[in-house]
Amino acid sequence: NLASAEATQSNPLFAKSTLQYQAPDFRLIK
């Protein structure tokens, strides 16, 4: 099942990283 809207919003992997060239934001990824 697709994640709920709430889970999607709290999961940084569901959106493109805002860092340069979409470098992963390891501060947020758990």
PDB file of all heavy atoms in Angstrom:
ATOM      1  N   ASN A   1       0.826  -1.204   0.000  1.00  0.00           N
ATOM      2  CA  ASN A   1       0.000   0.000   0.000  1.00  0.00           C
ATOM      3  C   ASN A   1       0.855   1.246   0.000  1.00  0.00           C
ATOM      4  O   ASN A   1       1.899   1.298   0.640  1.00  0.00           O
ATOM      5  CB  ASN A   1      -0.904   0.012   1.231  1.00  0.00           C
ATOM      6  CG  ASN A   1      -1.910  -1.122   1.213  1.00  0.00           C
ATOM      7  OD1 ASN A   1      -2.483  -1.409   0.174  1.00  0.00           O
ATOM      8  ND2 ASN A   1      -2.110  -1.757   2.359  1.00  0.00           N
ATOM      9  N   LEU A   2       0.384   2.255  -0.701  1.00  0.00           N
ATOM     10  CA  LEU A   2       1.059   3.538  -0.655  1.00  0.00           C
ATOM     11  C   LEU A   2       0.958   4.104   0.756  1.00  0.00           C
ATOM     12  O   LEU A   2      -0.028   3.901   1.471  1.00  0.00           O
ATOM     13  CB  LEU A   2       0.412   4.498  -1.651  1.00  0.00           C
ATOM     14  CG  LEU A   2       0.677   4.195  -3.134  1.00  0.00           C
ATOM     15  CD1 LEU A   2      -0.207   5.082  -4.000  1.00  0.00           C
ATOM     16  CD2 LEU A   2       2.132   4.414  -3.469  1.00  0.00           C
ATOM     17  N   ALA A   3       2.007   4.814   1.166  1.00  0.00           N
ATOM     18  CA  ALA A   3       2.016   5.362   2.518  1.00  0.00           C
ATOM     19  C   ALA A   3       0.922   6.404   2.679  1.00  0.00           C
ATOM     20  O   ALA A   3       0.463   7.023   1.714  1.00  0.00           O
ATOM     21  CB  ALA A   3       3.378   5.980   2.807  1.00  0.00           C
ATOM     22  N   SER A   4       0.478   6.596   3.876  1.00  0.00           N
ATOM     23  CA  SER A   4      -0.528   7.617   4.154  1.00  0.00           C
ATOM     24  C   SER A   4       0.053   8.992   3.890  1.00  0.00           C
ATOM     25  O   SER A   4       1.274   9.179   3.851  1.00  0.00           O
ATOM     26  CB  SER A   4      -0.973   7.513   5.610  1.00  0.00           C
ATOM     27  OG  SER A   4       0.100   7.877   6.463  1.00  0.00           O
ATOM     28  N   ALA A   5      -0.845   9.953   3.724  1.00  0.00           N
ATOM     29  CA  ALA A   5      -0.388  11.318   3.455  1.00  0.00           C
ATOM     30  C   ALA A   5       0.482  11.841   4.582  1.00  0.00           C
ATOM     31  O   ALA A   5       1.499  12.507   4.354  1.00  0.00           O
ATOM     32  CB  ALA A   5      -1.597  12.227   3.250  1.00  0.00           C
ATOM     33  N   GLU A   6       0.111  11.494   5.816  1.00  0.00           N
ATOM     34  CA  GLU A   6       0.884  11.963   6.968  1.00  0.00           C
ATOM     35  C   GLU A   6       2.285  11.375   6.963  1.00  0.00           C
ATOM     36  O   GLU A   6       3.279  12.084   7.169  1.00  0.00           O
ATOM     37  CB  GLU A   6       0.159  11.574   8.258  1.00  0.00           C
ATOM     38  CG  GLU A   6       0.859  12.076   9.523  1.00  0.00           C
ATOM     39  CD  GLU A   6       0.115  11.689  10.782  1.00  0.00           C
ATOM     40  OE1 GLU A   6      -1.041  11.224  10.676  1.00  0.00           O
ATOM     41  OE2 GLU A   6       0.688  11.860  11.864  1.00  0.00           O
ATOM     42  N   ALA A   7       2.382  10.057   6.695  1.00  0.00           N
ATOM     43  CA  ALA A   7       3.693   9.412   6.660  1.00  0.00           C
ATOM     44  C   ALA A   7       4.528   9.956   5.522  1.00  0.00           C
ATOM     45  O   ALA A   7       5.737  10.134   5.647  1.00  0.00           O
ATOM     46  CB  ALA A   7       3.518   7.900   6.528  1.00  0.00           C
ATOM     47  N   THR A   8       3.862  10.219   4.403  1.00  0.00           N
ATOM     48  CA  THR A   8       4.575  10.753   3.242  1.00  0.00           C
ATOM     49  C   THR A   8       5.204  12.099   3.559  1.00  0.00           C
ATOM     50  O   THR A   8       6.353  12.370   3.208  1.00  0.00           O
ATOM     51  CB  THR A   8       3.611  10.894   2.053  1.00  0.00           C
ATOM     52  OG1 THR A   8       3.100   9.607   1.712  1.00  0.00           O
ATOM     53  CG2 THR A   8       4.315  11.502   0.849  1.00  0.00           C
ATOM     54  N   GLN A   9       4.432  12.953   4.232  1.00  0.00           N
ATOM     55  CA  GLN A   9       4.933  14.293   4.534  1.00  0.00           C
ATOM     56  C   GLN A   9       6.107  14.268   5.505  1.00  0.00           C
ATOM     57  O   GLN A   9       6.977  15.133   5.453  1.00  0.00           O
ATOM     58  CB  GLN A   9       3.793  15.146   5.106  1.00  0.00           C
ATOM     59  CG  GLN A   9       2.729  15.483   4.072  1.00  0.00           C
ATOM     60  CD  GLN A   9       1.530  16.186   4.684  1.00  0.00           C
ATOM     61  OE1 GLN A   9       1.486  16.395   5.897  1.00  0.00           O
ATOM     62  NE2 GLN A   9       0.553  16.542   3.855  1.00  0.00           N
ATOM     63  N   SER A  10       6.141  13.269   6.391  1.00  0.00           N
ATOM     64  CA  SER A  10       7.205  13.219   7.387  1.00  0.00           C
ATOM     65  C   SER A  10       8.430  12.437   6.923  1.00  0.00           C
ATOM     66  O   SER A  10       9.437  12.387   7.625  1.00  0.00           O
ATOM     67  CB  SER A  10       6.668  12.582   8.677  1.00  0.00           C
ATOM     68  OG  SER A  10       6.298  11.228   8.439  1.00  0.00           O
ATOM     69  N   ASN A  11       8.341  11.837   5.749  1.00  0.00           N
ATOM     70  CA  ASN A  11       9.432  11.012   5.226  1.00  0.00           C
ATOM     71  C   ASN A  11      10.181  11.786   4.142  1.00  0.00           C
ATOM     72  O   ASN A  11       9.624  12.047   3.067  1.00  0.00           O
ATOM     73  CB  ASN A  11       8.860   9.710   4.660  1.00  0.00           C
ATOM     74  CG  ASN A  11       9.947   8.700   4.304  1.00  0.00           C
ATOM     75  OD1 ASN A  11      11.037   9.064   3.876  1.00  0.00           O
ATOM     76  ND2 ASN A  11       9.634   7.425   4.466  1.00  0.00           N
ATOM     77  N   PRO A  12      11.441  12.166   4.378  1.00  0.00           N
ATOM     78  CA  PRO A  12      12.163  13.007   3.415  1.00  0.00           C
ATOM     79  C   PRO A  12      12.410  12.327   2.076  1.00  0.00           C
ATOM     80  O   PRO A  12      12.684  13.011   1.082  1.00  0.00           O
ATOM     81  CB  PRO A  12      13.484  13.297   4.132  1.00  0.00           C
ATOM     82  CG  PRO A  12      13.659  12.170   5.094  1.00  0.00           C
ATOM     83  CD  PRO A  12      12.264  11.825   5.547  1.00  0.00           C
ATOM     84  N   LEU A  13      12.322  11.009   2.018  1.00  0.00           N
ATOM     85  CA  LEU A  13      12.585  10.309   0.759  1.00  0.00           C
ATOM     86  C   LEU A  13      11.447  10.464  -0.247  1.00  0.00           C
ATOM     87  O   LEU A  13      11.628  10.214  -1.441  1.00  0.00           O
ATOM     88  CB  LEU A  13      12.835   8.821   1.025  1.00  0.00           C
ATOM     89  CG  LEU A  13      14.102   8.501   1.821  1.00  0.00           C
ATOM     90  CD1 LEU A  13      14.130   7.031   2.221  1.00  0.00           C
ATOM     91  CD2 LEU A  13      15.356   8.851   1.018  1.00  0.00           C
ATOM     92  N   PHE A  14      10.271  10.892   0.226  1.00  0.00           N
ATOM     93  CA  PHE A  14       9.130  11.013  -0.676  1.00  0.00           C
ATOM     94  C   PHE A  14       9.195  12.270  -1.545  1.00  0.00           C
ATOM     95  O   PHE A  14       8.399  12.420  -2.466  1.00  0.00           O
ATOM     96  CB  PHE A  14       7.827  10.993   0.118  1.00  0.00           C
ATOM     97  CG  PHE A  14       7.366   9.606   0.462  1.00  0.00           C
ATOM     98  CD1 PHE A  14       7.874   8.950   1.569  1.00  0.00           C
ATOM     99  CD2 PHE A  14       6.443   8.950  -0.334  1.00  0.00           C
ATOM    100  CE1 PHE A  14       7.461   7.675   1.888  1.00  0.00           C
ATOM    101  CE2 PHE A  14       6.027   7.665  -0.025  1.00  0.00           C
ATOM    102  CZ  PHE A  14       6.537   7.014   1.090  1.00  0.00           C
ATOM    103  N   ALA A  15      10.112  13.153  -1.253  1.00  0.00           N
ATOM    104  CA  ALA A  15      10.257  14.371  -2.058  1.00  0.00           C
ATOM    105  C   ALA A  15      11.716  14.527  -2.477  1.00  0.00           C
ATOM    106  O   ALA A  15      12.626  14.024  -1.810  1.00  0.00           O
ATOM    107  CB  ALA A  15       9.817  15.589  -1.256  1.00  0.00           C
ATOM    108  N   LYS A  16      11.926  15.219  -3.576  1.00  0.00           N
ATOM    109  CA  LYS A  16      13.293  15.500  -4.008  1.00  0.00           C
ATOM    110  C   LYS A  16      14.018  16.295  -2.931  1.00  0.00           C
ATOM    111  O   LYS A  16      13.445  17.191  -2.318  1.00  0.00           O
ATOM    112  CB  LYS A  16      13.296  16.307  -5.312  1.00  0.00           C
ATOM    113  CG  LYS A  16      12.876  15.538  -6.539  1.00  0.00           C
ATOM    114  CD  LYS A  16      13.004  16.423  -7.776  1.00  0.00           C
ATOM    115  CE  LYS A  16      12.616  15.670  -9.041  1.00  0.00           C
ATOM    116  NZ  LYS A  16      12.745  16.522 -10.260  1.00  0.00           N
ATOM    117  N   SER A  17      15.272  15.968  -2.721  1.00  0.00           N
ATOM    118  CA  SER A  17      16.070  16.736  -1.777  1.00  0.00           C
ATOM    119  C   SER A  17      16.212  18.169  -2.283  1.00  0.00           C
ATOM    120  O   SER A  17      16.362  18.417  -3.487  1.00  0.00           O
ATOM    121  CB  SER A  17      17.457  16.106  -1.633  1.00  0.00           C
ATOM    122  OG  SER A  17      18.337  16.973  -0.941  1.00  0.00           O
ATOM    123  N   THR A  18      16.162  19.101  -1.363  1.00  0.00           N
ATOM    124  CA  THR A  18      16.329  20.513  -1.729  1.00  0.00           C
ATOM    125  C   THR A  18      17.795  20.915  -1.756  1.00  0.00           C
ATOM    126  O   THR A  18      18.116  22.065  -2.092  1.00  0.00           O
ATOM    127  CB  THR A  18      15.578  21.413  -0.734  1.00  0.00           C
ATOM    128  OG1 THR A  18      16.076  21.164   0.582  1.00  0.00           O
ATOM    129  CG2 THR A  18      14.088  21.131  -0.773  1.00  0.00           C
ATOM    130  N   LEU A  19      18.687  19.989  -1.395  1.00  0.00           N
ATOM    131  CA  LEU A  19      20.109  20.293  -1.448  1.00  0.00           C
ATOM    132  C   LEU A  19      20.590  20.315  -2.903  1.00  0.00           C
ATOM    133  O   LEU A  19      19.927  19.794  -3.809  1.00  0.00           O
ATOM    134  CB  LEU A  19      20.908  19.255  -0.653  1.00  0.00           C
ATOM    135  CG  LEU A  19      20.609  19.176   0.843  1.00  0.00           C
ATOM    136  CD1 LEU A  19      21.441  18.078   1.492  1.00  0.00           C
ATOM    137  CD2 LEU A  19      20.881  20.521   1.521  1.00  0.00           C
ATOM    138  N   GLN A  20      21.755  20.908  -3.113  1.00  0.00           N
ATOM    139  CA  GLN A  20      22.282  21.036  -4.475  1.00  0.00           C
ATOM    140  C   GLN A  20      22.334  19.679  -5.178  1.00  0.00           C
ATOM    141  O   GLN A  20      22.814  18.689  -4.624  1.00  0.00           O
ATOM    142  CB  GLN A  20      23.683  21.651  -4.424  1.00  0.00           C
ATOM    143  CG  GLN A  20      24.259  21.958  -5.799  1.00  0.00           C
ATOM    144  CD  GLN A  20      25.582  22.705  -5.695  1.00  0.00           C
ATOM    145  OE1 GLN A  20      25.950  23.190  -4.632  1.00  0.00           O
ATOM    146  NE2 GLN A  20      26.301  22.795  -6.795  1.00  0.00           N
ATOM    147  N   TYR A  21      21.826  19.648  -6.407  1.00  0.00           N
ATOM    148  CA  TYR A  21      21.810  18.459  -7.271  1.00  0.00           C
ATOM    149  C   TYR A  21      21.092  17.272  -6.626  1.00  0.00           C
ATOM    150  O   TYR A  21      21.375  16.128  -6.927  1.00  0.00           O
ATOM    151  CB  TYR A  21      23.231  18.068  -7.693  1.00  0.00           C
ATOM    152  CG  TYR A  21      23.993  19.183  -8.370  1.00  0.00           C
ATOM    153  CD1 TYR A  21      25.379  19.243  -8.309  1.00  0.00           C
ATOM    154  CD2 TYR A  21      23.320  20.209  -9.035  1.00  0.00           C
ATOM    155  CE1 TYR A  21      26.083  20.284  -8.926  1.00  0.00           C
ATOM    156  CE2 TYR A  21      24.017  21.249  -9.641  1.00  0.00           C
ATOM    157  CZ  TYR A  21      25.391  21.283  -9.572  1.00  0.00           C
ATOM    158  OH  TYR A  21      26.083  22.318 -10.175  1.00  0.00           O
ATOM    159  N   GLN A  22      20.175  17.574  -5.709  1.00  0.00           N
ATOM    160  CA  GLN A  22      19.389  16.541  -5.011  1.00  0.00           C
ATOM    161  C   GLN A  22      20.269  15.615  -4.163  1.00  0.00           C
ATOM    162  O   GLN A  22      19.931  14.450  -3.938  1.00  0.00           O
ATOM    163  CB  GLN A  22      18.575  15.709  -6.000  1.00  0.00           C
ATOM    164  CG  GLN A  22      17.606  16.517  -6.851  1.00  0.00           C
ATOM    165  CD  GLN A  22      16.931  15.679  -7.906  1.00  0.00           C
ATOM    166  OE1 GLN A  22      16.308  14.662  -7.595  1.00  0.00           O
ATOM    167  NE2 GLN A  22      17.074  16.077  -9.160  1.00  0.00           N
ATOM    168  N   ALA A  23      21.392  16.138  -3.699  1.00  0.00           N
ATOM    169  CA  ALA A  23      22.222  15.356  -2.776  1.00  0.00           C
ATOM    170  C   ALA A  23      21.369  14.966  -1.573  1.00  0.00           C
ATOM    171  O   ALA A  23      20.588  15.777  -1.066  1.00  0.00           O
ATOM    172  CB  ALA A  23      23.430  16.177  -2.325  1.00  0.00           C
ATOM    173  N   PRO A  24      21.468  13.724  -1.099  1.00  0.00           N
ATOM    174  CA  PRO A  24      20.611  13.289   0.013  1.00  0.00           C
ATOM    175  C   PRO A  24      20.838  14.134   1.266  1.00  0.00           C
ATOM    176  O   PRO A  24      21.975  14.457   1.608  1.00  0.00           O
ATOM    177  CB  PRO A  24      21.056  11.840   0.248  1.00  0.00           C
ATOM    178  CG  PRO A  24      21.694  11.412  -1.032  1.00  0.00           C
ATOM    179  CD  PRO A  24      22.345  12.642  -1.585  1.00  0.00           C
ATOM    180  N   ASP A  25      19.752  14.467   1.948  1.00  0.00           N
ATOM    181  CA  ASP A  25      19.873  15.223   3.187  1.00  0.00           C
ATOM    182  C   ASP A  25      19.955  14.226   4.342  1.00  0.00           C
ATOM    183  O   ASP A  25      18.942  13.826   4.927  1.00  0.00           O
ATOM    184  CB  ASP A  25      18.678  16.157   3.378  1.00  0.00           C
ATOM    185  CG  ASP A  25      18.946  17.192   4.456  1.00  0.00           C
ATOM    186  OD1 ASP A  25      19.810  16.926   5.328  1.00  0.00           O
ATOM    187  OD2 ASP A  25      18.324  18.259   4.435  1.00  0.00           O
ATOM    188  N   PHE A  26      21.157  13.817   4.661  1.00  0.00           N
ATOM    189  CA  PHE A  26      21.363  12.789   5.678  1.00  0.00           C
ATOM    190  C   PHE A  26      21.007  13.270   7.083  1.00  0.00           C
ATOM    191  O   PHE A  26      20.905  12.454   8.000  1.00  0.00           O
ATOM    192  CB  PHE A  26      22.813  12.295   5.628  1.00  0.00           C
ATOM    193  CG  PHE A  26      23.157  11.576   4.354  1.00  0.00           C
ATOM    194  CD1 PHE A  26      23.988  12.162   3.407  1.00  0.00           C
ATOM    195  CD2 PHE A  26      22.638  10.319   4.100  1.00  0.00           C
ATOM    196  CE1 PHE A  26      24.295  11.502   2.231  1.00  0.00           C
ATOM    197  CE2 PHE A  26      22.943   9.646   2.923  1.00  0.00           C
ATOM    198  CZ  PHE A  26      23.772  10.240   1.986  1.00  0.00           C
ATOM    199  N   ARG A  27      20.778  14.558   7.256  1.00  0.00           N
ATOM    200  CA  ARG A  27      20.325  15.056   8.558  1.00  0.00           C
ATOM    201  C   ARG A  27      18.904  14.593   8.839  1.00  0.00           C
ATOM    202  O   ARG A  27      18.502  14.450   9.996  1.00  0.00           O
ATOM    203  CB  ARG A  27      20.374  16.589   8.583  1.00  0.00           C
ATOM    204  CG  ARG A  27      21.755  17.201   8.453  1.00  0.00           C
ATOM    205  CD  ARG A  27      21.668  18.692   8.188  1.00  0.00           C
ATOM    206  NE  ARG A  27      20.920  18.982   6.957  1.00  0.00           N
ATOM    207  CZ  ARG A  27      20.809  20.191   6.415  1.00  0.00           C
ATOM    208  NH1 ARG A  27      21.371  21.222   7.017  1.00  0.00           N
ATOM    209  NH2 ARG A  27      20.123  20.379   5.300  1.00  0.00           N
ATOM    210  N   LEU A  28      18.133  14.382   7.762  1.00  0.00           N
ATOM    211  CA  LEU A  28      16.710  14.080   7.908  1.00  0.00           C
ATOM    212  C   LEU A  28      16.390  12.602   7.738  1.00  0.00           C
ATOM    213  O   LEU A  28      15.401  12.103   8.286  1.00  0.00           O
ATOM    214  CB  LEU A  28      15.903  14.884   6.871  1.00  0.00           C
ATOM    215  CG  LEU A  28      16.095  16.402   6.872  1.00  0.00           C
ATOM    216  CD1 LEU A  28      15.276  17.025   5.750  1.00  0.00           C
ATOM    217  CD2 LEU A  28      15.710  16.997   8.216  1.00  0.00           C
ATOM    218  N   ILE A  29      17.222  11.883   6.975  1.00  0.00           N
ATOM    219  CA  ILE A  29      16.908  10.498   6.625  1.00  0.00           C
ATOM    220  C   ILE A  29      17.224   9.569   7.787  1.00  0.00           C
ATOM    221  O   ILE A  29      18.346   9.542   8.291  1.00  0.00           O
ATOM    222  CB  ILE A  29      17.698  10.069   5.363  1.00  0.00           C
ATOM    223  CG1 ILE A  29      17.307  10.949   4.167  1.00  0.00           C
ATOM    224  CG2 ILE A  29      17.444   8.602   5.041  1.00  0.00           C
ATOM    225  CD1 ILE A  29      18.196  10.760   2.950  1.00  0.00           C
ATOM    226  N   LYS A  30      16.230   8.798   8.202  1.00  0.00           N
ATOM    227  CA  LYS A  30      16.375   7.826   9.287  1.00  0.00           C
ATOM    228  C   LYS A  30      16.140   6.419   8.734  1.00  0.00           C
ATOM    229  O   LYS A  30      15.506   6.237   7.703  1.00  0.00           O
ATOM    230  CB  LYS A  30      15.377   8.101  10.421  1.00  0.00           C
ATOM    231  CG  LYS A  30      15.362   9.536  10.920  1.00  0.00           C
ATOM    232  CD  LYS A  30      16.699   9.954  11.517  1.00  0.00           C
ATOM    233  CE  LYS A  30      16.645  11.388  12.040  1.00  0.00           C
ATOM    234  NZ  LYS A  30      17.982  11.871  12.469  1.00  0.00           N
TER     235      LYS A  30
END
